[in-house]
N, C-alpha and C. Protein backbone atom coordinates (compact mmCIF):
# COMPACT_ATOMS: atom_id res chain seq x y z
N MET A 1 -16.55 10.26 0.70
CA MET A 1 -17.60 11.18 0.34
C MET A 1 -17.71 12.25 1.41
N THR A 2 -17.94 13.48 0.97
CA THR A 2 -18.07 14.60 1.89
C THR A 2 -19.53 14.73 2.34
N GLU A 3 -19.78 15.65 3.26
CA GLU A 3 -21.15 15.87 3.74
C GLU A 3 -22.06 16.29 2.59
N ARG A 4 -21.55 17.11 1.70
CA ARG A 4 -22.34 17.57 0.56
C ARG A 4 -22.73 16.40 -0.35
N GLU A 5 -21.77 15.53 -0.63
CA GLU A 5 -22.05 14.35 -1.46
C GLU A 5 -23.04 13.41 -0.77
N LEU A 6 -22.90 13.28 0.55
CA LEU A 6 -23.81 12.44 1.32
C LEU A 6 -25.24 12.98 1.23
N LYS A 7 -25.40 14.29 1.34
CA LYS A 7 -26.73 14.90 1.22
C LYS A 7 -27.34 14.65 -0.16
N ARG A 8 -26.51 14.75 -1.19
CA ARG A 8 -27.00 14.50 -2.55
C ARG A 8 -27.49 13.07 -2.70
N LEU A 9 -26.73 12.12 -2.17
CA LEU A 9 -27.13 10.72 -2.23
C LEU A 9 -28.42 10.47 -1.45
N LEU A 10 -28.55 11.12 -0.30
CA LEU A 10 -29.78 10.99 0.49
C LEU A 10 -30.98 11.54 -0.27
N ASN A 11 -30.81 12.70 -0.89
CA ASN A 11 -31.90 13.30 -1.66
C ASN A 11 -32.31 12.45 -2.85
N ALA A 12 -31.35 11.72 -3.41
CA ALA A 12 -31.64 10.87 -4.57
C ALA A 12 -32.09 9.47 -4.15
N ASN A 13 -32.22 9.24 -2.85
CA ASN A 13 -32.58 7.92 -2.31
C ASN A 13 -31.64 6.83 -2.83
N ALA A 14 -30.35 7.16 -2.89
CA ALA A 14 -29.36 6.24 -3.44
C ALA A 14 -28.56 5.50 -2.36
N ILE A 15 -28.99 5.62 -1.11
CA ILE A 15 -28.27 4.97 -0.01
C ILE A 15 -29.10 3.81 0.52
N LYS A 16 -28.45 2.67 0.67
CA LYS A 16 -29.15 1.48 1.15
C LYS A 16 -29.10 1.35 2.67
N ARG A 17 -27.93 1.64 3.28
CA ARG A 17 -27.81 1.43 4.72
C ARG A 17 -26.84 2.42 5.34
N ILE A 18 -27.23 2.96 6.48
CA ILE A 18 -26.37 3.85 7.26
C ILE A 18 -26.28 3.29 8.66
N GLN A 19 -25.04 3.16 9.15
CA GLN A 19 -24.81 2.66 10.50
C GLN A 19 -23.85 3.57 11.24
N LEU A 20 -23.98 3.60 12.55
CA LEU A 20 -23.00 4.24 13.42
C LEU A 20 -22.19 3.12 14.05
N HIS A 21 -20.88 3.15 13.87
CA HIS A 21 -20.01 2.13 14.43
C HIS A 21 -19.17 2.74 15.54
N TYR A 22 -18.93 1.95 16.57
CA TYR A 22 -17.99 2.37 17.59
C TYR A 22 -16.59 2.11 17.03
N ALA A 23 -15.77 3.14 16.98
CA ALA A 23 -14.41 3.04 16.45
C ALA A 23 -13.44 2.90 17.63
N VAL A 24 -12.95 1.71 17.85
CA VAL A 24 -12.10 1.42 19.01
C VAL A 24 -10.84 2.28 19.00
N MET A 25 -10.18 2.35 17.87
CA MET A 25 -8.92 3.09 17.79
C MET A 25 -9.12 4.59 18.04
N ALA A 26 -10.22 5.14 17.57
CA ALA A 26 -10.50 6.56 17.75
C ALA A 26 -11.20 6.84 19.07
N GLN A 27 -11.64 5.78 19.74
CA GLN A 27 -12.42 5.89 20.97
C GLN A 27 -13.61 6.83 20.78
N GLY A 28 -14.31 6.60 19.70
CA GLY A 28 -15.47 7.41 19.37
C GLY A 28 -16.32 6.65 18.36
N TYR A 29 -17.06 7.38 17.56
CA TYR A 29 -18.00 6.78 16.62
C TYR A 29 -17.75 7.27 15.21
N MET A 30 -18.04 6.42 14.24
CA MET A 30 -17.96 6.81 12.85
C MET A 30 -19.22 6.35 12.14
N ILE A 31 -19.60 7.10 11.14
CA ILE A 31 -20.76 6.78 10.33
C ILE A 31 -20.28 5.94 9.15
N ILE A 32 -21.00 4.88 8.86
CA ILE A 32 -20.68 4.05 7.70
C ILE A 32 -21.89 4.09 6.76
N VAL A 33 -21.66 4.57 5.56
CA VAL A 33 -22.71 4.69 4.55
C VAL A 33 -22.43 3.70 3.43
N ASP A 34 -23.26 2.69 3.34
CA ASP A 34 -23.07 1.63 2.33
C ASP A 34 -21.63 1.13 2.31
N GLY A 35 -21.05 0.95 3.49
CA GLY A 35 -19.70 0.40 3.61
C GLY A 35 -18.57 1.40 3.61
N ASN A 36 -18.86 2.68 3.42
CA ASN A 36 -17.81 3.70 3.37
C ASN A 36 -18.07 4.82 4.37
N PRO A 37 -17.02 5.30 5.04
CA PRO A 37 -17.20 6.41 5.98
C PRO A 37 -17.17 7.77 5.26
N PRO A 38 -18.01 8.71 5.67
CA PRO A 38 -17.92 10.07 5.13
C PRO A 38 -16.59 10.71 5.53
N GLU A 39 -16.19 11.73 4.78
CA GLU A 39 -14.91 12.39 5.03
C GLU A 39 -15.12 13.87 5.31
N THR A 40 -14.12 14.46 5.93
CA THR A 40 -14.11 15.91 6.13
C THR A 40 -13.66 16.56 4.83
N SER A 41 -13.64 17.88 4.80
CA SER A 41 -13.17 18.59 3.61
C SER A 41 -11.69 18.33 3.34
N LYS A 42 -10.96 17.89 4.36
CA LYS A 42 -9.53 17.55 4.20
C LYS A 42 -9.33 16.09 3.83
N ARG A 43 -10.43 15.40 3.50
CA ARG A 43 -10.42 13.98 3.10
C ARG A 43 -9.96 13.05 4.22
N GLU A 44 -10.25 13.43 5.46
CA GLU A 44 -10.01 12.56 6.61
C GLU A 44 -11.34 11.96 7.03
N THR A 45 -11.31 10.75 7.58
CA THR A 45 -12.53 10.09 8.02
C THR A 45 -13.20 10.92 9.11
N ARG A 46 -14.50 11.14 8.96
CA ARG A 46 -15.26 11.92 9.93
C ARG A 46 -15.51 11.07 11.16
N GLU A 47 -15.08 11.54 12.32
CA GLU A 47 -15.25 10.82 13.58
C GLU A 47 -15.96 11.70 14.58
N PHE A 48 -16.67 11.06 15.51
CA PHE A 48 -17.43 11.76 16.53
C PHE A 48 -17.04 11.22 17.90
N LYS A 49 -16.87 12.09 18.88
CA LYS A 49 -16.46 11.67 20.22
C LYS A 49 -17.55 10.91 20.95
N THR A 50 -18.81 11.30 20.75
CA THR A 50 -19.90 10.65 21.47
C THR A 50 -20.99 10.19 20.50
N LEU A 51 -21.77 9.26 20.97
CA LEU A 51 -22.91 8.77 20.19
C LEU A 51 -23.91 9.90 19.98
N ASP A 52 -24.05 10.76 20.97
CA ASP A 52 -24.97 11.89 20.88
C ASP A 52 -24.58 12.84 19.75
N THR A 53 -23.30 13.17 19.62
CA THR A 53 -22.87 14.07 18.54
C THR A 53 -23.05 13.43 17.18
N ALA A 54 -22.80 12.14 17.09
CA ALA A 54 -23.00 11.44 15.82
C ALA A 54 -24.49 11.45 15.43
N ALA A 55 -25.36 11.21 16.41
CA ALA A 55 -26.80 11.22 16.16
C ALA A 55 -27.27 12.62 15.76
N LYS A 56 -26.74 13.65 16.39
CA LYS A 56 -27.11 15.03 16.03
C LYS A 56 -26.71 15.34 14.59
N PHE A 57 -25.55 14.84 14.17
CA PHE A 57 -25.13 15.02 12.79
C PHE A 57 -26.10 14.32 11.83
N MET A 58 -26.52 13.11 12.20
CA MET A 58 -27.46 12.37 11.37
C MET A 58 -28.78 13.12 11.23
N PHE A 59 -29.27 13.68 12.33
CA PHE A 59 -30.50 14.45 12.28
C PHE A 59 -30.31 15.72 11.45
N LYS A 60 -29.12 16.33 11.55
CA LYS A 60 -28.82 17.56 10.80
C LYS A 60 -28.90 17.32 9.29
N ILE A 61 -28.40 16.19 8.84
CA ILE A 61 -28.43 15.91 7.40
C ILE A 61 -29.70 15.17 6.99
N ARG A 62 -30.62 15.05 7.95
CA ARG A 62 -31.96 14.49 7.72
C ARG A 62 -31.96 13.02 7.34
N VAL A 63 -31.21 12.24 8.10
CA VAL A 63 -31.24 10.79 7.92
C VAL A 63 -32.44 10.26 8.69
N PRO A 64 -33.38 9.62 8.02
CA PRO A 64 -34.61 9.19 8.68
C PRO A 64 -34.44 7.97 9.56
N ASP A 65 -33.47 7.11 9.26
CA ASP A 65 -33.33 5.85 9.98
C ASP A 65 -31.89 5.37 9.89
N PHE A 66 -31.34 4.94 11.03
CA PHE A 66 -29.99 4.40 11.02
C PHE A 66 -29.84 3.40 12.16
N ALA A 67 -28.83 2.54 12.04
CA ALA A 67 -28.57 1.52 13.06
C ALA A 67 -27.29 1.88 13.80
N VAL A 68 -27.21 1.45 15.05
CA VAL A 68 -26.00 1.64 15.85
C VAL A 68 -25.39 0.27 16.08
N LYS A 69 -24.13 0.13 15.73
CA LYS A 69 -23.42 -1.14 15.88
C LYS A 69 -22.24 -0.91 16.84
N LEU A 70 -22.38 -1.40 18.07
CA LEU A 70 -21.35 -1.18 19.08
C LEU A 70 -20.22 -2.18 19.00
N ASN A 71 -20.51 -3.42 18.63
CA ASN A 71 -19.47 -4.44 18.51
C ASN A 71 -19.25 -4.72 17.04
N THR A 72 -18.15 -4.22 16.49
CA THR A 72 -17.92 -4.36 15.05
C THR A 72 -17.32 -5.72 14.69
N ASN A 73 -16.97 -6.55 15.69
CA ASN A 73 -16.43 -7.88 15.41
C ASN A 73 -17.53 -8.90 15.09
N ALA A 74 -18.70 -8.69 15.65
CA ALA A 74 -19.82 -9.61 15.42
C ALA A 74 -20.50 -9.28 14.11
N SER A 75 -21.04 -10.27 13.43
CA SER A 75 -21.69 -10.01 12.14
C SER A 75 -23.15 -9.72 12.28
């Protein structure tokens, strides 16, 4: 899903859970929306270098509440 699609889902209150995950391979962070990561316009997974940039993106698209998951191996 692209940023535009994500905004539409947010406006329709169709999203159950949004998390920020630490992506070990990318050495950065990715947003997970109901189990799926948002994509860029080139259909690549959207990644962020720092937690701060990921949080700024969340505020930009007006996400009211999200969780940060640093260890993705633990349930």
